Amino acid sequence: MGKYEVKTKKTGASVVDFLDAVEPAEKRADVKTLDKLFRKVTGDKPKMWGSAIVGYGNYHYKGRSSEGDWMATGFSPRKANLTLYIMLGFGDYAALLQKLGKYTTGKGCLYIKRLNEIDPAVLEELVTRSYADLNRKYPPAKG
């Protein structure tokens, strides 16, 4: 099987400008709160990945059909919801998810309509644990 190249790459675009442009105002406030949480948990300055993902940290992955560098965690203010990227999935976090509030999940995505529908302390613990677990499995990539 040939190598697949990830289309979404880290860019030099301004995270602050991106967050300041999020509409409506309630979602803009939510993404600024998420930015503070992710900065606190990761200790990393955010970078834009593609045109609409705010990512923190890096890791190098190697799969059967692809290899590359990717953000360790992050979020994107999509039209329908806030999408949070939990790279290792949710298998180890079932107990936390039971306490989180209103959400849905995909393979490595946590979908939240509004931050006021979830417990912020549980979200912080989820991001903290998943980020630490990822860094143990895949030591951070340079850059």
N, C-alpha and C. Protein backbone atom coordinates (compact mmCIF):
# COMPACT_ATOMS: atom_id res chain seq x y z
N MET A 1 0.84 -1.18 0.00
CA MET A 1 0.00 0.00 0.00
C MET A 1 0.88 1.23 0.00
N GLY A 2 0.55 2.24 -0.81
CA GLY A 2 1.33 3.46 -0.90
C GLY A 2 1.17 4.33 0.32
N LYS A 3 2.10 5.24 0.48
CA LYS A 3 2.05 6.15 1.63
C LYS A 3 0.99 7.21 1.40
N TYR A 4 0.20 7.46 2.42
CA TYR A 4 -0.82 8.49 2.40
C TYR A 4 -0.25 9.73 3.06
N GLU A 5 -0.42 10.89 2.45
CA GLU A 5 0.07 12.12 3.05
C GLU A 5 -1.10 12.90 3.63
N VAL A 6 -0.96 13.30 4.88
CA VAL A 6 -2.00 14.07 5.55
C VAL A 6 -2.15 15.42 4.86
N LYS A 7 -3.39 15.78 4.53
CA LYS A 7 -3.62 17.04 3.83
C LYS A 7 -3.60 18.23 4.78
N THR A 8 -4.03 18.04 6.03
CA THR A 8 -4.06 19.13 6.99
C THR A 8 -2.69 19.27 7.61
N LYS A 9 -2.06 20.42 7.39
CA LYS A 9 -0.71 20.66 7.89
C LYS A 9 -0.68 21.91 8.76
N LYS A 10 0.37 21.98 9.57
CA LYS A 10 0.59 23.15 10.41
C LYS A 10 0.85 24.35 9.50
N THR A 11 0.24 25.48 9.84
CA THR A 11 0.43 26.69 9.04
C THR A 11 1.00 27.80 9.93
N GLY A 12 1.31 28.92 9.32
CA GLY A 12 1.80 30.07 10.07
C GLY A 12 0.70 31.07 10.39
N ALA A 13 -0.53 30.71 10.12
CA ALA A 13 -1.65 31.63 10.35
C ALA A 13 -1.79 31.96 11.84
N SER A 14 -2.35 33.11 12.13
CA SER A 14 -2.51 33.59 13.49
C SER A 14 -3.67 32.89 14.21
N VAL A 15 -3.37 32.23 15.32
CA VAL A 15 -4.41 31.61 16.13
C VAL A 15 -5.31 32.69 16.73
N VAL A 16 -4.71 33.77 17.21
CA VAL A 16 -5.50 34.86 17.82
C VAL A 16 -6.49 35.43 16.82
N ASP A 17 -6.04 35.69 15.60
CA ASP A 17 -6.95 36.23 14.57
C ASP A 17 -8.07 35.24 14.28
N PHE A 18 -7.73 33.96 14.20
CA PHE A 18 -8.74 32.94 13.94
C PHE A 18 -9.78 32.91 15.06
N LEU A 19 -9.33 32.86 16.30
CA LEU A 19 -10.26 32.81 17.43
C LEU A 19 -11.11 34.07 17.51
N ASP A 20 -10.51 35.22 17.23
CA ASP A 20 -11.25 36.50 17.27
C ASP A 20 -12.34 36.57 16.21
N ALA A 21 -12.22 35.77 15.15
CA ALA A 21 -13.18 35.81 14.05
C ALA A 21 -14.31 34.78 14.18
N VAL A 22 -14.25 33.93 15.20
CA VAL A 22 -15.28 32.89 15.37
C VAL A 22 -16.62 33.55 15.68
N GLU A 23 -17.65 33.09 15.00
CA GLU A 23 -19.02 33.58 15.22
C GLU A 23 -19.91 32.38 15.51
N PRO A 24 -20.97 32.55 16.28
CA PRO A 24 -21.40 33.76 16.97
C PRO A 24 -20.56 34.03 18.23
N ALA A 25 -20.87 35.10 18.93
CA ALA A 25 -20.09 35.54 20.09
C ALA A 25 -20.00 34.47 21.17
N GLU A 26 -21.07 33.70 21.40
CA GLU A 26 -21.03 32.64 22.43
C GLU A 26 -19.99 31.58 22.07
N LYS A 27 -19.92 31.21 20.79
CA LYS A 27 -18.93 30.22 20.37
C LYS A 27 -17.52 30.82 20.46
N ARG A 28 -17.39 32.11 20.14
CA ARG A 28 -16.09 32.78 20.25
C ARG A 28 -15.61 32.74 21.72
N ALA A 29 -16.49 33.00 22.66
CA ALA A 29 -16.13 32.93 24.08
C ALA A 29 -15.73 31.51 24.46
N ASP A 30 -16.45 30.52 23.95
CA ASP A 30 -16.13 29.12 24.24
C ASP A 30 -14.75 28.74 23.72
N VAL A 31 -14.40 29.15 22.50
CA VAL A 31 -13.10 28.77 21.94
C VAL A 31 -11.96 29.47 22.67
N LYS A 32 -12.21 30.68 23.15
CA LYS A 32 -11.17 31.36 23.93
C LYS A 32 -10.97 30.67 25.28
N THR A 33 -12.04 30.17 25.86
CA THR A 33 -11.94 29.39 27.09
C THR A 33 -11.18 28.08 26.82
N LEU A 34 -11.51 27.42 25.70
CA LEU A 34 -10.79 26.19 25.34
C LEU A 34 -9.30 26.47 25.13
N ASP A 35 -8.98 27.57 24.48
CA ASP A 35 -7.58 27.93 24.24
C ASP A 35 -6.84 28.05 25.58
N LYS A 36 -7.44 28.72 26.55
CA LYS A 36 -6.80 28.85 27.87
C LYS A 36 -6.59 27.48 28.51
N LEU A 37 -7.61 26.62 28.43
CA LEU A 37 -7.51 25.29 29.02
C LEU A 37 -6.40 24.48 28.35
N PHE A 38 -6.36 24.47 27.01
CA PHE A 38 -5.36 23.68 26.29
C PHE A 38 -3.95 24.22 26.53
N ARG A 39 -3.80 25.54 26.60
CA ARG A 39 -2.48 26.12 26.89
C ARG A 39 -2.02 25.69 28.29
N LYS A 40 -2.94 25.75 29.26
CA LYS A 40 -2.62 25.37 30.64
C LYS A 40 -2.21 23.90 30.72
N VAL A 41 -2.99 23.04 30.11
CA VAL A 41 -2.74 21.60 30.19
C VAL A 41 -1.46 21.20 29.46
N THR A 42 -1.25 21.74 28.26
CA THR A 42 -0.13 21.29 27.44
C THR A 42 1.15 22.08 27.66
N GLY A 43 1.02 23.33 28.08
CA GLY A 43 2.20 24.20 28.17
C GLY A 43 2.70 24.63 26.80
N ASP A 44 1.93 24.34 25.76
CA ASP A 44 2.33 24.65 24.38
C ASP A 44 1.59 25.87 23.85
N LYS A 45 2.28 26.60 22.97
CA LYS A 45 1.61 27.67 22.24
C LYS A 45 0.85 27.02 21.09
N PRO A 46 -0.37 27.47 20.83
CA PRO A 46 -1.14 26.85 19.76
C PRO A 46 -0.63 27.22 18.38
N LYS A 47 -0.89 26.33 17.45
CA LYS A 47 -0.59 26.54 16.03
C LYS A 47 -1.86 26.22 15.25
N MET A 48 -2.03 26.89 14.13
CA MET A 48 -3.14 26.56 13.23
C MET A 48 -2.73 25.35 12.40
N TRP A 49 -3.65 24.41 12.29
CA TRP A 49 -3.50 23.24 11.43
C TRP A 49 -4.59 23.36 10.38
N GLY A 50 -4.19 23.52 9.12
CA GLY A 50 -5.18 23.80 8.10
C GLY A 50 -5.80 25.16 8.38
N SER A 51 -7.03 25.33 7.93
CA SER A 51 -7.67 26.65 8.08
C SER A 51 -8.54 26.78 9.31
N ALA A 52 -8.81 25.67 10.03
CA ALA A 52 -9.80 25.77 11.11
C ALA A 52 -9.53 24.90 12.33
N ILE A 53 -8.31 24.37 12.49
CA ILE A 53 -8.00 23.56 13.66
C ILE A 53 -6.90 24.26 14.46
N VAL A 54 -7.13 24.41 15.76
CA VAL A 54 -6.14 24.97 16.66
C VAL A 54 -5.49 23.78 17.38
N GLY A 55 -4.20 23.58 17.15
CA GLY A 55 -3.51 22.42 17.69
C GLY A 55 -2.43 22.78 18.69
N TYR A 56 -2.18 21.86 19.60
CA TYR A 56 -1.19 22.05 20.67
C TYR A 56 -0.26 20.85 20.69
N GLY A 57 1.03 21.11 20.74
CA GLY A 57 2.01 20.03 20.78
C GLY A 57 2.11 19.31 19.45
N ASN A 58 3.01 18.34 19.40
CA ASN A 58 3.25 17.53 18.21
C ASN A 58 3.56 16.11 18.64
N TYR A 59 3.30 15.19 17.74
CA TYR A 59 3.81 13.84 17.91
C TYR A 59 4.05 13.25 16.54
N HIS A 60 4.92 12.26 16.48
CA HIS A 60 5.22 11.59 15.22
C HIS A 60 4.56 10.22 15.26
N TYR A 61 3.74 9.95 14.27
CA TYR A 61 3.05 8.66 14.21
C TYR A 61 3.53 7.89 13.00
N LYS A 62 3.41 6.58 13.10
CA LYS A 62 3.77 5.69 11.99
C LYS A 62 2.73 4.59 11.95
N GLY A 63 1.95 4.58 10.89
CA GLY A 63 0.92 3.55 10.72
C GLY A 63 1.24 2.67 9.53
N ARG A 64 0.31 1.78 9.22
CA ARG A 64 0.52 0.88 8.07
C ARG A 64 0.55 1.65 6.75
N SER A 65 -0.28 2.69 6.64
CA SER A 65 -0.38 3.38 5.36
C SER A 65 0.05 4.84 5.42
N SER A 66 0.49 5.30 6.58
CA SER A 66 0.89 6.70 6.67
C SER A 66 1.88 6.91 7.81
N GLU A 67 2.59 8.02 7.71
CA GLU A 67 3.54 8.43 8.72
C GLU A 67 3.64 9.94 8.66
N GLY A 68 3.78 10.57 9.83
CA GLY A 68 3.96 12.01 9.81
C GLY A 68 3.87 12.61 11.19
N ASP A 69 3.88 13.92 11.22
CA ASP A 69 3.75 14.67 12.46
C ASP A 69 2.35 15.25 12.53
N TRP A 70 1.80 15.28 13.73
CA TRP A 70 0.44 15.76 13.92
C TRP A 70 0.37 16.44 15.28
N MET A 71 -0.65 17.23 15.47
CA MET A 71 -0.84 17.88 16.77
C MET A 71 -1.15 16.83 17.83
N ALA A 72 -0.74 17.10 19.05
CA ALA A 72 -1.01 16.17 20.14
C ALA A 72 -2.45 16.26 20.62
N THR A 73 -3.02 17.44 20.56
CA THR A 73 -4.41 17.67 20.93
C THR A 73 -4.84 19.01 20.34
N GLY A 74 -6.12 19.29 20.38
CA GLY A 74 -6.58 20.56 19.83
C GLY A 74 -8.08 20.59 19.71
N PHE A 75 -8.55 21.63 19.01
CA PHE A 75 -10.00 21.79 18.84
C PHE A 75 -10.28 22.59 17.57
N SER A 76 -11.53 22.52 17.16
CA SER A 76 -12.00 23.28 16.01
C SER A 76 -13.45 23.70 16.24
N PRO A 77 -13.74 24.98 16.03
CA PRO A 77 -15.12 25.45 16.16
C PRO A 77 -15.89 25.19 14.86
N ARG A 78 -16.45 24.01 14.74
CA ARG A 78 -17.24 23.67 13.55
C ARG A 78 -18.62 24.30 13.65
N LYS A 79 -19.35 24.30 12.55
CA LYS A 79 -20.67 24.92 12.53
C LYS A 79 -21.64 24.27 13.52
N ALA A 80 -21.66 22.95 13.55
CA ALA A 80 -22.63 22.23 14.39
C ALA A 80 -22.18 22.11 15.84
N ASN A 81 -20.85 22.13 16.09
CA ASN A 81 -20.38 21.90 17.44
C ASN A 81 -18.92 22.29 17.58
N LEU A 82 -18.42 22.19 18.79
CA LEU A 82 -16.99 22.32 19.06
C LEU A 82 -16.42 20.91 18.97
N THR A 83 -15.40 20.74 18.16
CA THR A 83 -14.77 19.44 18.00
C THR A 83 -13.43 19.47 18.73
N LEU A 84 -13.26 18.57 19.69
CA LEU A 84 -12.01 18.45 20.43
C LEU A 84 -11.33 17.16 20.00
N TYR A 85 -10.03 17.24 19.77
CA TYR A 85 -9.28 16.10 19.26
C TYR A 85 -8.55 15.38 20.40
N ILE A 86 -9.00 14.17 20.68
CA ILE A 86 -8.42 13.30 21.70
C ILE A 86 -7.80 12.13 20.93
N MET A 87 -6.52 12.22 20.65
CA MET A 87 -5.88 11.38 19.64
C MET A 87 -5.91 9.88 19.89
N LEU A 88 -5.88 9.46 21.14
CA LEU A 88 -5.87 8.02 21.41
C LEU A 88 -7.27 7.44 21.54
N GLY A 89 -8.29 8.25 21.30
CA GLY A 89 -9.65 7.77 21.43
C GLY A 89 -10.11 7.82 22.88
N PHE A 90 -11.20 7.13 23.19
CA PHE A 90 -11.86 7.29 24.48
C PHE A 90 -11.94 6.03 25.32
N GLY A 91 -11.31 4.94 24.86
CA GLY A 91 -11.40 3.66 25.56
C GLY A 91 -10.98 3.70 27.02
N ASP A 92 -9.97 4.50 27.33
CA ASP A 92 -9.45 4.56 28.70
C ASP A 92 -10.15 5.61 29.56
N TYR A 93 -11.11 6.30 29.00
CA TYR A 93 -11.68 7.45 29.71
C TYR A 93 -13.19 7.33 29.95
N ALA A 94 -13.71 6.12 29.95
CA ALA A 94 -15.16 5.91 30.10
C ALA A 94 -15.70 6.52 31.40
N ALA A 95 -14.97 6.36 32.49
CA ALA A 95 -15.45 6.89 33.77
C ALA A 95 -15.51 8.42 33.73
N LEU A 96 -14.55 9.04 33.10
CA LEU A 96 -14.57 10.51 32.97
C LEU A 96 -15.74 10.95 32.09
N LEU A 97 -15.94 10.26 30.99
CA LEU A 97 -17.01 10.65 30.06
C LEU A 97 -18.38 10.57 30.73
N GLN A 98 -18.55 9.63 31.66
CA GLN A 98 -19.84 9.52 32.36
C GLN A 98 -20.14 10.77 33.17
N LYS A 99 -19.11 11.49 33.58
CA LYS A 99 -19.29 12.70 34.40
C LYS A 99 -19.23 13.99 33.59
N LEU A 100 -18.95 13.90 32.28
CA LEU A 100 -18.67 15.09 31.48
C LEU A 100 -19.88 15.98 31.23
N GLY A 101 -21.01 15.40 30.87
CA GLY A 101 -22.18 16.19 30.49
C GLY A 101 -22.66 15.78 29.11
N LYS A 102 -23.16 16.75 28.33
CA LYS A 102 -23.72 16.46 27.00
C LYS A 102 -22.62 16.50 25.94
N TYR A 103 -22.44 15.38 25.24
CA TYR A 103 -21.43 15.27 24.20
C TYR A 103 -21.75 14.07 23.32
N THR A 104 -21.06 13.98 22.20
CA THR A 104 -21.01 12.76 21.40
C THR A 104 -19.54 12.56 21.02
N THR A 105 -19.21 11.36 20.54
CA THR A 105 -17.83 11.10 20.14
C THR A 105 -17.77 10.46 18.77
N GLY A 106 -16.63 10.63 18.14
CA GLY A 106 -16.22 9.90 16.96
C GLY A 106 -14.97 9.13 17.38
N LYS A 107 -14.20 8.62 16.43
CA LYS A 107 -13.02 7.81 16.77
C LYS A 107 -12.08 8.54 17.72
N GLY A 108 -11.69 9.74 17.39
CA GLY A 108 -10.79 10.53 18.24
C GLY A 108 -11.31 11.93 18.46
N CYS A 109 -12.61 12.13 18.22
CA CYS A 109 -13.21 13.46 18.33
C CYS A 109 -14.29 13.47 19.40
N LEU A 110 -14.26 14.52 20.20
CA LEU A 110 -15.29 14.78 21.19
C LEU A 110 -16.09 15.97 20.68
N TYR A 111 -17.39 15.80 20.52
CA TYR A 111 -18.25 16.85 19.99
C TYR A 111 -19.10 17.43 21.11
N ILE A 112 -19.00 18.74 21.27
CA ILE A 112 -19.73 19.46 22.31
C ILE A 112 -20.45 20.63 21.66
N LYS A 113 -21.71 20.82 21.99
CA LYS A 113 -22.46 21.97 21.44
C LYS A 113 -21.98 23.27 22.09
N ARG A 114 -22.00 23.30 23.43
CA ARG A 114 -21.61 24.49 24.18
C ARG A 114 -20.89 24.07 25.45
N LEU A 115 -19.92 24.87 25.86
CA LEU A 115 -19.18 24.52 27.07
C LEU A 115 -20.05 24.54 28.33
N ASN A 116 -21.13 25.32 28.32
CA ASN A 116 -21.98 25.35 29.51
C ASN A 116 -22.80 24.07 29.69
N GLU A 117 -22.67 23.12 28.77
CA GLU A 117 -23.37 21.84 28.87
C GLU A 117 -22.47 20.72 29.41
N ILE A 118 -21.23 21.07 29.75
CA ILE A 118 -20.30 20.07 30.27
C ILE A 118 -19.64 20.58 31.55
N ASP A 119 -19.04 19.65 32.28
CA ASP A 119 -18.33 19.99 33.50
C ASP A 119 -16.89 20.39 33.13
N PRO A 120 -16.49 21.64 33.35
CA PRO A 120 -15.16 22.09 32.92
C PRO A 120 -14.02 21.36 33.62
N ALA A 121 -14.20 20.98 34.88
CA ALA A 121 -13.14 20.25 35.59
C ALA A 121 -12.94 18.87 34.99
N VAL A 122 -14.02 18.21 34.59
CA VAL A 122 -13.91 16.88 33.96
C VAL A 122 -13.26 17.02 32.59
N LEU A 123 -13.62 18.06 31.84
CA LEU A 123 -12.99 18.28 30.54
C LEU A 123 -11.49 18.50 30.71
N GLU A 124 -11.10 19.30 31.68
CA GLU A 124 -9.68 19.54 31.91
C GLU A 124 -8.95 18.24 32.26
N GLU A 125 -9.57 17.41 33.08
CA GLU A 125 -8.96 16.13 33.43
C GLU A 125 -8.84 15.23 32.21
N LEU A 126 -9.86 15.21 31.37
CA LEU A 126 -9.82 14.39 30.15
C LEU A 126 -8.68 14.83 29.23
N VAL A 127 -8.58 16.13 28.99
CA VAL A 127 -7.51 16.64 28.12
C VAL A 127 -6.15 16.37 28.75
N THR A 128 -6.02 16.58 30.05
CA THR A 128 -4.76 16.35 30.76
C THR A 128 -4.32 14.90 30.64
N ARG A 129 -5.22 13.98 30.95
CA ARG A 129 -4.87 12.56 30.90
C ARG A 129 -4.58 12.09 29.48
N SER A 130 -5.41 12.50 28.52
CA SER A 130 -5.20 12.03 27.15
C SER A 130 -3.89 12.58 26.57
N TYR A 131 -3.56 13.83 26.90
CA TYR A 131 -2.32 14.45 26.43
C TYR A 131 -1.11 13.72 27.03
N ALA A 132 -1.17 13.43 28.33
CA ALA A 132 -0.07 12.71 28.99
C ALA A 132 0.07 11.29 28.42
N ASP A 133 -1.05 10.63 28.21
CA ASP A 133 -1.02 9.27 27.66
C ASP A 133 -0.42 9.26 26.26
N LEU A 134 -0.79 10.24 25.44
CA LEU A 134 -0.25 10.32 24.08
C LEU A 134 1.26 10.56 24.13
N ASN A 135 1.70 11.45 25.00
CA ASN A 135 3.13 11.75 25.08
C ASN A 135 3.94 10.58 25.61
N ARG A 136 3.31 9.70 26.40
CA ARG A 136 4.01 8.49 26.83
C ARG A 136 4.13 7.51 25.65
N LYS A 137 3.08 7.40 24.87
CA LYS A 137 3.07 6.46 23.75
C LYS A 137 3.93 6.97 22.58
N TYR A 138 3.83 8.26 22.30
CA TYR A 138 4.57 8.89 21.20
C TYR A 138 5.29 10.11 21.76
N PRO A 139 6.57 10.00 22.10
CA PRO A 139 7.28 11.17 22.60
C PRO A 139 7.14 12.34 21.61
N PRO A 140 7.05 13.58 22.14
CA PRO A 140 6.81 14.74 21.28
C PRO A 140 7.82 14.87 20.15
N ALA A 141 7.29 15.22 18.97
CA ALA A 141 8.14 15.47 17.80
C ALA A 141 8.74 16.87 17.92
N LYS A 142 9.84 17.08 17.28
CA LYS A 142 10.46 18.42 17.28
C LYS A 142 9.73 19.28 16.26
N GLY A 143 9.50 20.57 16.64
CA GLY A 143 8.93 21.50 15.67
C GLY A 143 7.53 21.84 15.82
